[in-house]
């Protein structure tokens, strides 16, 4: 299952800037901390994009609905998280 996470521009900028550097406290740091505590990693949905809107979309892969619910509960309400939801299936089951 895939969790789609829409971040604020500030949170997304922090996540992009923290590759290999010391953490900077920001909403993006809180999102990464929450995901790390659950054992999941978020990744850009549109890596390499320069579009400011597309750069705010991230995704995390989780094994099942229970894990998805835990991630969504942890993310919702965090500063910098504008939306978080389970991506619908690509095709009908």
C-alpha atoms as a PDB file:
ATOM      1  CA  UNK A   1       0.000   0.000   0.000  1.00  0.00           C
ATOM      2  CA  UNK A   2       1.136   3.524  -0.670  1.00  0.00           C
ATOM      3  CA  UNK A   3       0.552   6.522   1.580  1.00  0.00           C
ATOM      4  CA  UNK A   4       0.519   9.869  -0.242  1.00  0.00           C
ATOM      5  CA  UNK A   5       1.675  12.828   1.825  1.00  0.00           C
ATOM      6  CA  UNK A   6       1.220  16.440   0.765  1.00  0.00           C
ATOM      7  CA  UNK A   7       3.553  18.742   2.686  1.00  0.00           C
ATOM      8  CA  UNK A   8       3.769  22.491   2.999  1.00  0.00           C
ATOM      9  CA  UNK A   9       6.497  24.113   0.915  1.00  0.00           C
ATOM     10  CA  UNK A  10       8.518  24.756   4.080  1.00  0.00           C
ATOM     11  CA  UNK A  11       8.340  21.124   5.235  1.00  0.00           C
ATOM     12  CA  UNK A  12       9.193  19.805   1.767  1.00  0.00           C
ATOM     13  CA  UNK A  13      12.125  22.192   1.440  1.00  0.00           C
ATOM     14  CA  UNK A  14      13.518  20.948   4.754  1.00  0.00           C
ATOM     15  CA  UNK A  15      13.308  17.320   3.675  1.00  0.00           C
ATOM     16  CA  UNK A  16      15.068  18.042   0.368  1.00  0.00           C
ATOM     17  CA  UNK A  17      17.795  20.039   2.123  1.00  0.00           C
ATOM     18  CA  UNK A  18      18.589  17.454   4.800  1.00  0.00           C
ATOM     19  CA  UNK A  19      20.332  14.929   2.608  1.00  0.00           C
ATOM     20  CA  UNK A  20      23.637  14.415   4.355  1.00  0.00           C
ATOM     21  CA  UNK A  21      23.415  17.456   6.622  1.00  0.00           C
ATOM     22  CA  UNK A  22      22.605  18.016  10.250  1.00  0.00           C
ATOM     23  CA  UNK A  23      18.864  18.145  10.987  1.00  0.00           C
ATOM     24  CA  UNK A  24      17.234  21.558  11.007  1.00  0.00           C
ATOM     25  CA  UNK A  25      14.186  21.865  13.258  1.00  0.00           C
ATOM     26  CA  UNK A  26      11.116  22.457  11.115  1.00  0.00           C
ATOM     27  CA  UNK A  27       7.814  20.818  10.259  1.00  0.00           C
ATOM     28  CA  UNK A  28       9.671  18.616   7.772  1.00  0.00           C
ATOM     29  CA  UNK A  29      11.905  17.352  10.557  1.00  0.00           C
ATOM     30  CA  UNK A  30       8.847  16.376  12.611  1.00  0.00           C
ATOM     31  CA  UNK A  31       7.427  14.436   9.672  1.00  0.00           C
ATOM     32  CA  UNK A  32      10.692  12.545   9.150  1.00  0.00           C
ATOM     33  CA  UNK A  33      10.948  11.829  12.879  1.00  0.00           C
ATOM     34  CA  UNK A  34       7.387  10.445  12.963  1.00  0.00           C
ATOM     35  CA  UNK A  35       8.029   8.224   9.947  1.00  0.00           C
ATOM     36  CA  UNK A  36      11.351   6.989  11.328  1.00  0.00           C
ATOM     37  CA  UNK A  37       9.723   6.091  14.645  1.00  0.00           C
ATOM     38  CA  UNK A  38       7.271   3.867  12.726  1.00  0.00           C
ATOM     39  CA  UNK A  39      10.054   2.346  10.631  1.00  0.00           C
ATOM     40  CA  UNK A  40       9.062   3.890   7.292  1.00  0.00           C
ATOM     41  CA  UNK A  41      10.750   6.313   4.925  1.00  0.00           C
ATOM     42  CA  UNK A  42       9.122   8.954   2.780  1.00  0.00           C
ATOM     43  CA  UNK A  43      10.359   9.666  -0.715  1.00  0.00           C
ATOM     44  CA  UNK A  44       9.477  12.346  -3.259  1.00  0.00           C
ATOM     45  CA  UNK A  45       6.757  11.262  -5.681  1.00  0.00           C
ATOM     46  CA  UNK A  46       8.302  13.426  -8.413  1.00  0.00           C
ATOM     47  CA  UNK A  47      12.066  13.264  -7.819  1.00  0.00           C
ATOM     48  CA  UNK A  48      14.035  15.823  -9.750  1.00  0.00           C
ATOM     49  CA  UNK A  49      11.004  17.998 -10.453  1.00  0.00           C
ATOM     50  CA  UNK A  50      11.494  21.743 -10.209  1.00  0.00           C
ATOM     51  CA  UNK A  51       7.744  22.401 -10.090  1.00  0.00           C
ATOM     52  CA  UNK A  52       7.015  23.872  -6.636  1.00  0.00           C
ATOM     53  CA  UNK A  53       3.685  22.054  -6.341  1.00  0.00           C
ATOM     54  CA  UNK A  54       4.963  18.635  -7.416  1.00  0.00           C
ATOM     55  CA  UNK A  55       7.920  18.938  -5.018  1.00  0.00           C
ATOM     56  CA  UNK A  56       5.507  18.902  -2.062  1.00  0.00           C
ATOM     57  CA  UNK A  57       4.184  15.383  -2.785  1.00  0.00           C
ATOM     58  CA  UNK A  58       5.828  12.454  -1.016  1.00  0.00           C
ATOM     59  CA  UNK A  59       4.981   8.769  -0.633  1.00  0.00           C
ATOM     60  CA  UNK A  60       5.655   5.938   1.774  1.00  0.00           C
ATOM     61  CA  UNK A  61       5.121   2.249   1.151  1.00  0.00           C
ATOM     62  CA  UNK A  62       3.538   0.245   3.955  1.00  0.00           C
ATOM     63  CA  UNK A  63       2.704  -3.476   4.065  1.00  0.00           C
ATOM     64  CA  UNK A  64      -0.981  -3.418   5.014  1.00  0.00           C
ATOM     65  CA  UNK A  65      -4.034  -1.441   6.154  1.00  0.00           C
ATOM     66  CA  UNK A  66      -3.055  -1.603   9.825  1.00  0.00           C
ATOM     67  CA  UNK A  67       0.333  -0.025   9.045  1.00  0.00           C
ATOM     68  CA  UNK A  68      -1.339   2.554   6.802  1.00  0.00           C
ATOM     69  CA  UNK A  69      -3.737   3.519   9.593  1.00  0.00           C
ATOM     70  CA  UNK A  70      -0.819   3.919  12.030  1.00  0.00           C
ATOM     71  CA  UNK A  71       1.080   6.157   9.601  1.00  0.00           C
ATOM     72  CA  UNK A  72      -1.972   8.277   8.822  1.00  0.00           C
ATOM     73  CA  UNK A  73      -2.731   8.719  12.525  1.00  0.00           C
ATOM     74  CA  UNK A  74       0.865   9.774  13.207  1.00  0.00           C
ATOM     75  CA  UNK A  75       0.989  12.253  10.319  1.00  0.00           C
ATOM     76  CA  UNK A  76      -2.382  13.918  10.552  1.00  0.00           C
ATOM     77  CA  UNK A  77      -2.193  17.000  12.697  1.00  0.00           C
ATOM     78  CA  UNK A  78       1.576  17.403  12.382  1.00  0.00           C
ATOM     79  CA  UNK A  79       2.701  20.868  11.358  1.00  0.00           C
ATOM     80  CA  UNK A  80       3.625  20.867   7.693  1.00  0.00           C
ATOM     81  CA  UNK A  81       1.312  17.993   6.703  1.00  0.00           C
ATOM     82  CA  UNK A  82      -1.427  19.387   4.502  1.00  0.00           C
ATOM     83  CA  UNK A  83      -2.904  15.986   3.570  1.00  0.00           C
ATOM     84  CA  UNK A  84      -2.169  12.309   4.063  1.00  0.00           C
ATOM     85  CA  UNK A  85      -4.153   9.462   2.557  1.00  0.00           C
ATOM     86  CA  UNK A  86      -3.940   5.905   1.246  1.00  0.00           C
ATOM     87  CA  UNK A  87      -3.487   5.870  -2.519  1.00  0.00           C
ATOM     88  CA  UNK A  88      -6.360   4.044  -4.197  1.00  0.00           C
ATOM     89  CA  UNK A  89      -5.547   0.877  -6.131  1.00  0.00           C
ATOM     90  CA  UNK A  90      -4.399   1.449  -9.705  1.00  0.00           C
ATOM     91  CA  UNK A  91      -7.047  -0.977 -10.976  1.00  0.00           C
ATOM     92  CA  UNK A  92     -10.276  -2.455  -9.773  1.00  0.00           C
ATOM     93  CA  UNK A  93      -9.924  -5.584  -7.672  1.00  0.00           C
END
